[in-house]
Amino acid sequence: MAQDTLYFSNTNKLCVQLMEINPDNLKYKRYDNLNGPIYTVSKSEIIKIVFPNGVTEQINPNEGLTKEDDKNNEEDFFSGDAADTLFFTSGKKTVVKILMNSTTEIKYKLWDFQDGPTYQVGKNELNSIHTGKGKIISMAQETKKEEIKSQPDEYAKYTAFTGYSYAFNQRLYDKGKIDARRYYRHNGGAVGVGCAAAGCGPLIGIIPAVIVADNEPKEINLRIPPSEYSTHHDYLTGYKEEAKRIKKKKVWTGYGIGSGVLAALTIVYYIILLNGI
């Protein structure tokens, strides 16, 4: 079911299903609890509504946001049709559908289980968010932004730099992927998988193929080139994601070759058998 998005004057955003739009208020159900109660909010608390088809209705366009905030919000944080990815400080990565983005926390559902429970996480537990619209949001930058909001001059300087920062993070992510294609050379277990498929048959060989292909490449095999970017989170994310994609491709190629070799040997064996050689 498609969602509407409310932008509040306190800079919060909330995915909802609108029930009524009245002259003075809105009535809605939270998208993460459609069987729950109907909420009522005064239009004075709402900046704008973004409908599922992308149409935007401005309610109080000049309330609550700086010009830079409004510029960023026009890009619409929520994608709806594409998955968002949360990168945690613990190293965990989770593919989600973000329902609410506030100044301190994110509420979300697991992308593969959108009928399941709603989770929430503090932004201090995240390294970054890769949105479904391709935007990379660094939590360090968001935290810094909140810290200096009380200093108008510093805030103006920082927000002027923010657009560049987002672009810079995206470039680092892309550079990581490019470098992985240049430097990651490990066969990722493809030879072993190919031998298993050739020696034990495709039905048995597919078991190690699935297991090996799903595992992240080992750190020692990544061969990340030393540079000023090699410890940057977005660079590492791009590099490791591309290395895993390369590894998976090699594993399944090895499985295919092993299965093909076994099939060819089987055909040759039966030809020899039939001809009595």
Protein backbone atom coordinates (compact mmCIF):
# COMPACT_ATOMS: atom_id res chain seq x y z
CA MET A 1 0.00 0.00 0.00
CA ALA A 2 1.40 3.41 -0.98
CA GLN A 3 2.22 5.91 1.73
CA ASP A 4 1.84 9.65 2.25
CA THR A 5 4.65 11.58 3.92
CA LEU A 6 4.12 14.42 6.41
CA TYR A 7 6.86 16.98 6.99
CA PHE A 8 6.51 18.60 10.42
CA SER A 9 7.71 22.05 11.47
CA ASN A 10 10.03 20.41 14.04
CA THR A 11 11.89 18.81 11.04
CA ASN A 12 10.46 15.31 11.69
CA LYS A 13 9.08 13.28 8.79
CA LEU A 14 6.46 10.59 9.15
CA CYS A 15 5.04 7.99 6.76
CA VAL A 16 1.27 7.83 7.13
CA GLN A 17 -1.99 6.92 5.46
CA LEU A 18 -4.04 10.11 5.29
CA MET A 19 -7.69 9.67 6.27
CA GLU A 20 -8.95 13.28 6.05
CA ILE A 21 -7.62 16.66 4.98
CA ASN A 22 -9.68 19.35 6.69
CA PRO A 23 -9.37 23.17 6.65
CA ASP A 24 -7.65 23.25 10.07
CA ASN A 25 -6.26 19.74 10.59
CA LEU A 26 -5.25 16.40 9.13
CA LYS A 27 -6.35 12.95 10.24
CA TYR A 28 -4.10 9.99 9.60
CA LYS A 29 -2.97 6.54 10.63
CA ARG A 30 0.69 5.75 11.15
CA TYR A 31 2.02 3.68 8.26
CA ASP A 32 3.75 1.36 10.72
CA ASN A 33 0.44 0.72 12.53
CA LEU A 34 -2.42 0.85 10.02
CA ASN A 35 -4.67 -1.10 12.38
CA GLY A 36 -4.04 1.43 15.14
CA PRO A 37 -5.76 4.68 16.12
CA ILE A 38 -6.50 7.69 13.92
CA TYR A 39 -4.38 10.71 14.85
CA THR A 40 -5.31 14.36 14.39
CA VAL A 41 -2.69 17.07 13.84
CA SER A 42 -3.15 20.80 13.32
CA LYS A 43 -2.12 22.10 9.90
CA SER A 44 -0.04 24.72 11.72
CA GLU A 45 2.38 21.92 12.64
CA ILE A 46 2.77 20.68 9.06
CA ILE A 47 5.09 22.13 6.43
CA LYS A 48 4.03 19.98 3.50
CA ILE A 49 2.51 16.69 2.39
CA VAL A 50 4.09 14.44 -0.25
CA PHE A 51 1.56 12.07 -1.80
CA PRO A 52 2.37 8.58 -3.21
CA ASN A 53 2.40 9.86 -6.80
CA GLY A 54 5.08 12.43 -5.90
CA VAL A 55 2.75 15.44 -5.84
CA THR A 56 3.63 17.88 -3.04
CA GLU A 57 1.10 20.09 -1.24
CA GLN A 58 2.71 22.97 0.65
CA ILE A 59 0.93 23.78 3.93
CA ASN A 60 3.34 26.16 5.73
CA PRO A 61 6.38 26.26 3.43
CA ASN A 62 8.32 28.86 5.45
CA GLU A 63 7.84 27.34 8.90
CA GLY A 64 10.46 25.45 10.84
CA LEU A 65 13.11 24.97 8.14
CA THR A 66 16.13 26.87 6.97
CA LYS A 67 16.47 27.33 3.23
CA GLU A 68 19.10 24.59 3.15
CA ASP A 69 16.88 22.20 5.12
CA ASP A 70 14.03 22.88 2.72
CA LYS A 71 16.31 22.26 -0.23
CA ASN A 72 17.35 18.90 1.23
CA ASN A 73 13.76 17.94 2.06
CA GLU A 74 12.63 18.63 -1.50
CA GLU A 75 14.69 15.59 -2.46
CA ASP A 76 12.29 13.57 -0.28
CA PHE A 77 14.17 11.31 2.13
CA PHE A 78 11.74 8.44 1.64
CA SER A 79 11.85 6.46 -1.58
CA GLY A 80 8.91 4.08 -1.10
CA ASP A 81 9.72 1.79 -4.03
CA ALA A 82 13.42 1.20 -3.28
CA ALA A 83 15.18 -0.17 -0.21
CA ASP A 84 17.16 1.97 2.23
CA THR A 85 20.26 0.57 3.92
CA LEU A 86 21.38 1.29 7.50
CA PHE A 87 25.08 0.97 8.32
CA PHE A 88 25.59 0.52 12.07
CA THR A 89 28.67 1.52 14.10
CA SER A 90 28.93 -2.16 15.08
CA GLY A 91 29.64 -3.05 11.45
CA LYS A 92 26.18 -4.55 10.82
CA LYS A 93 24.30 -3.62 7.65
CA THR A 94 20.50 -3.87 7.41
CA VAL A 95 18.25 -3.37 4.37
CA VAL A 96 15.09 -1.58 5.47
CA LYS A 97 12.12 0.59 4.60
CA ILE A 98 12.47 3.81 6.61
CA LEU A 99 9.19 5.05 8.06
CA MET A 100 10.31 8.04 10.12
CA ASN A 101 13.43 10.19 10.22
CA SER A 102 13.69 12.47 13.27
CA THR A 103 16.61 14.46 14.60
CA THR A 104 17.61 11.66 17.00
CA GLU A 105 16.28 8.36 15.66
CA ILE A 106 15.16 6.30 12.69
CA LYS A 107 12.06 4.08 12.64
CA TYR A 108 11.96 1.32 10.07
CA LYS A 109 10.69 -2.07 8.97
CA LEU A 110 12.85 -4.82 7.52
CA TRP A 111 12.66 -4.61 3.72
CA ASP A 112 12.00 -8.34 3.34
CA PHE A 113 9.38 -8.39 6.12
CA GLN A 114 7.34 -5.21 5.83
CA ASP A 115 4.37 -6.80 7.57
CA GLY A 116 6.54 -7.40 10.61
CA PRO A 117 7.35 -5.20 13.61
CA THR A 118 8.58 -1.61 13.50
CA TYR A 119 12.10 -1.07 14.82
CA GLN A 120 13.78 2.09 15.98
CA VAL A 121 17.44 3.00 16.31
CA GLY A 122 19.20 6.07 17.64
CA LYS A 123 21.25 7.94 15.07
CA ASN A 124 24.22 7.67 17.42
CA GLU A 125 24.22 3.92 16.65
CA LEU A 126 24.59 4.48 12.89
CA ASN A 127 27.54 5.32 10.66
CA SER A 128 25.47 6.27 7.65
CA ILE A 129 22.26 5.72 5.71
CA HIS A 130 22.11 4.91 2.01
CA THR A 131 18.61 5.91 0.94
CA GLY A 132 16.58 4.24 -1.79
CA LYS A 133 17.03 7.38 -3.87
CA GLY A 134 20.80 6.96 -3.88
CA LYS A 135 21.64 9.59 -1.27
CA ILE A 136 24.33 8.85 1.33
CA ILE A 137 23.74 10.48 4.72
CA SER A 138 26.65 10.51 7.17
CA MET A 139 25.54 10.45 10.80
CA ALA A 140 28.73 12.26 11.83
CA GLN A 141 27.70 15.16 9.62
CA GLU A 142 24.12 15.08 10.92
CA THR A 143 25.36 15.13 14.54
CA LYS A 144 27.71 18.02 13.80
CA LYS A 145 24.87 19.88 12.13
CA GLU A 146 22.66 19.54 15.21
CA GLU A 147 25.48 20.66 17.50
CA ILE A 148 26.06 23.94 15.68
CA LYS A 149 22.44 24.87 14.92
CA SER A 150 22.54 27.27 17.86
CA GLN A 151 25.41 29.15 16.19
CA PRO A 152 23.86 30.88 13.13
CA ASP A 153 27.15 31.89 11.48
CA GLU A 154 28.76 28.47 11.89
CA TYR A 155 25.55 26.73 10.86
CA ALA A 156 25.37 28.76 7.65
CA LYS A 157 28.96 27.82 6.80
CA TYR A 158 28.34 24.15 7.56
CA THR A 159 25.12 23.82 5.58
CA ALA A 160 26.77 25.55 2.65
CA PHE A 161 29.31 22.71 2.71
CA THR A 162 26.77 19.92 3.29
CA GLY A 163 25.81 19.42 -0.35
CA TYR A 164 29.46 18.92 -1.22
CA SER A 165 29.87 16.50 1.69
CA TYR A 166 27.04 14.27 0.46
CA ALA A 167 28.51 14.30 -3.03
CA PHE A 168 31.97 13.57 -1.59
CA ASN A 169 30.64 10.53 0.31
CA GLN A 170 29.00 9.23 -2.86
CA ARG A 171 32.24 9.66 -4.79
CA LEU A 172 34.15 7.74 -2.12
CA TYR A 173 31.58 4.92 -2.27
CA ASP A 174 31.92 4.79 -6.07
CA LYS A 175 35.73 4.93 -5.85
CA GLY A 176 35.66 1.96 -3.45
CA LYS A 177 33.70 -0.07 -6.01
CA ILE A 178 36.09 0.90 -8.81
CA ASP A 179 39.15 0.01 -6.71
CA ALA A 180 37.63 -3.37 -5.81
CA ARG A 181 37.36 -4.20 -9.50
CA ARG A 182 41.05 -3.29 -9.89
CA TYR A 183 42.61 -4.86 -6.80
CA TYR A 184 40.38 -7.72 -5.57
CA ARG A 185 41.81 -10.81 -7.26
CA HIS A 186 41.08 -13.67 -4.84
CA ASN A 187 39.15 -16.56 -6.39
CA GLY A 188 36.83 -16.56 -3.36
CA GLY A 189 36.59 -20.35 -3.14
CA ALA A 190 35.56 -20.71 -6.77
CA VAL A 191 38.11 -23.48 -7.44
CA GLY A 192 36.91 -25.54 -4.46
CA VAL A 193 33.27 -25.10 -5.46
CA GLY A 194 34.10 -26.11 -9.04
CA CYS A 195 35.90 -29.24 -7.84
CA ALA A 196 32.96 -30.11 -5.58
CA ALA A 197 30.51 -29.77 -8.46
CA ALA A 198 32.74 -31.85 -10.77
CA GLY A 199 33.52 -34.53 -8.21
CA CYS A 200 30.21 -34.85 -6.36
CA GLY A 201 27.71 -33.61 -8.90
CA PRO A 202 25.71 -30.36 -9.23
CA LEU A 203 23.09 -31.32 -6.60
CA ILE A 204 25.71 -31.77 -3.89
CA GLY A 205 28.04 -29.09 -5.26
CA ILE A 206 25.35 -26.43 -4.98
CA ILE A 207 25.51 -26.61 -1.16
CA PRO A 208 29.07 -25.26 -0.81
CA ALA A 209 28.36 -22.87 -3.69
CA VAL A 210 25.49 -21.22 -1.79
CA ILE A 211 27.46 -21.09 1.48
CA VAL A 212 30.65 -19.69 -0.03
CA ALA A 213 28.89 -17.19 -2.29
CA ASP A 214 26.94 -15.76 0.66
CA ASN A 215 30.02 -15.20 2.85
CA GLU A 216 31.80 -11.84 2.92
CA PRO A 217 35.35 -11.92 1.49
CA LYS A 218 37.96 -12.25 4.26
CA GLU A 219 39.78 -9.03 5.20
CA ILE A 220 43.14 -10.57 4.35
CA ASN A 221 41.95 -11.30 0.80
CA LEU A 222 40.46 -7.88 0.04
CA ARG A 223 43.82 -6.27 -0.86
CA ILE A 224 42.53 -2.76 -0.16
CA PRO A 225 45.17 -0.35 -1.48
CA PRO A 226 46.59 2.01 1.17
CA SER A 227 45.46 5.59 0.61
CA GLU A 228 44.02 8.58 2.46
CA TYR A 229 40.55 7.10 1.82
CA SER A 230 41.18 3.47 2.77
CA THR A 231 39.70 3.84 6.27
CA HIS A 232 36.71 5.97 5.25
CA HIS A 233 33.40 4.21 5.94
CA ASP A 234 31.79 4.95 2.56
CA TYR A 235 34.90 3.96 0.61
CA LEU A 236 35.14 0.67 2.54
CA THR A 237 31.42 0.01 2.05
CA GLY A 238 31.70 0.43 -1.71
CA TYR A 239 34.87 -1.68 -1.88
CA LYS A 240 33.49 -4.56 0.21
CA GLU A 241 30.12 -4.65 -1.57
CA GLU A 242 31.80 -4.81 -4.97
CA ALA A 243 34.33 -7.42 -3.75
CA LYS A 244 31.46 -9.60 -2.53
CA ARG A 245 29.68 -9.23 -5.88
CA ILE A 246 32.88 -10.26 -7.69
CA LYS A 247 33.38 -13.20 -5.35
CA LYS A 248 29.80 -14.38 -5.84
CA LYS A 249 30.19 -14.21 -9.62
CA LYS A 250 33.42 -16.25 -9.48
CA VAL A 251 31.86 -18.86 -7.21
CA TRP A 252 28.89 -19.44 -9.50
CA THR A 253 31.16 -19.44 -12.54
CA GLY A 254 33.28 -22.12 -10.85
CA TYR A 255 30.14 -24.10 -10.04
CA GLY A 256 29.01 -23.87 -13.67
CA ILE A 257 32.38 -24.96 -15.02
CA GLY A 258 32.59 -27.87 -12.58
CA SER A 259 29.08 -29.02 -13.48
CA GLY A 260 29.92 -28.70 -17.18
CA VAL A 261 33.10 -30.74 -16.80
CA LEU A 262 31.19 -33.51 -15.03
CA ALA A 263 28.51 -33.50 -17.72
CA ALA A 264 31.15 -33.69 -20.48
CA LEU A 265 33.00 -36.54 -18.77
CA THR A 266 29.73 -38.41 -18.30
CA ILE A 267 28.89 -38.08 -22.00
CA VAL A 268 32.36 -39.26 -23.00
CA TYR A 269 32.06 -42.24 -20.64
CA TYR A 270 28.76 -43.35 -22.16
CA ILE A 271 30.03 -42.92 -25.69
CA ILE A 272 33.01 -45.12 -24.87
CA LEU A 273 30.72 -47.63 -23.17
CA LEU A 274 28.30 -47.78 -26.10
CA ASN A 275 31.08 -48.23 -28.62
CA GLY A 276 32.71 -50.95 -26.56
CA ILE A 277 36.06 -49.24 -26.50
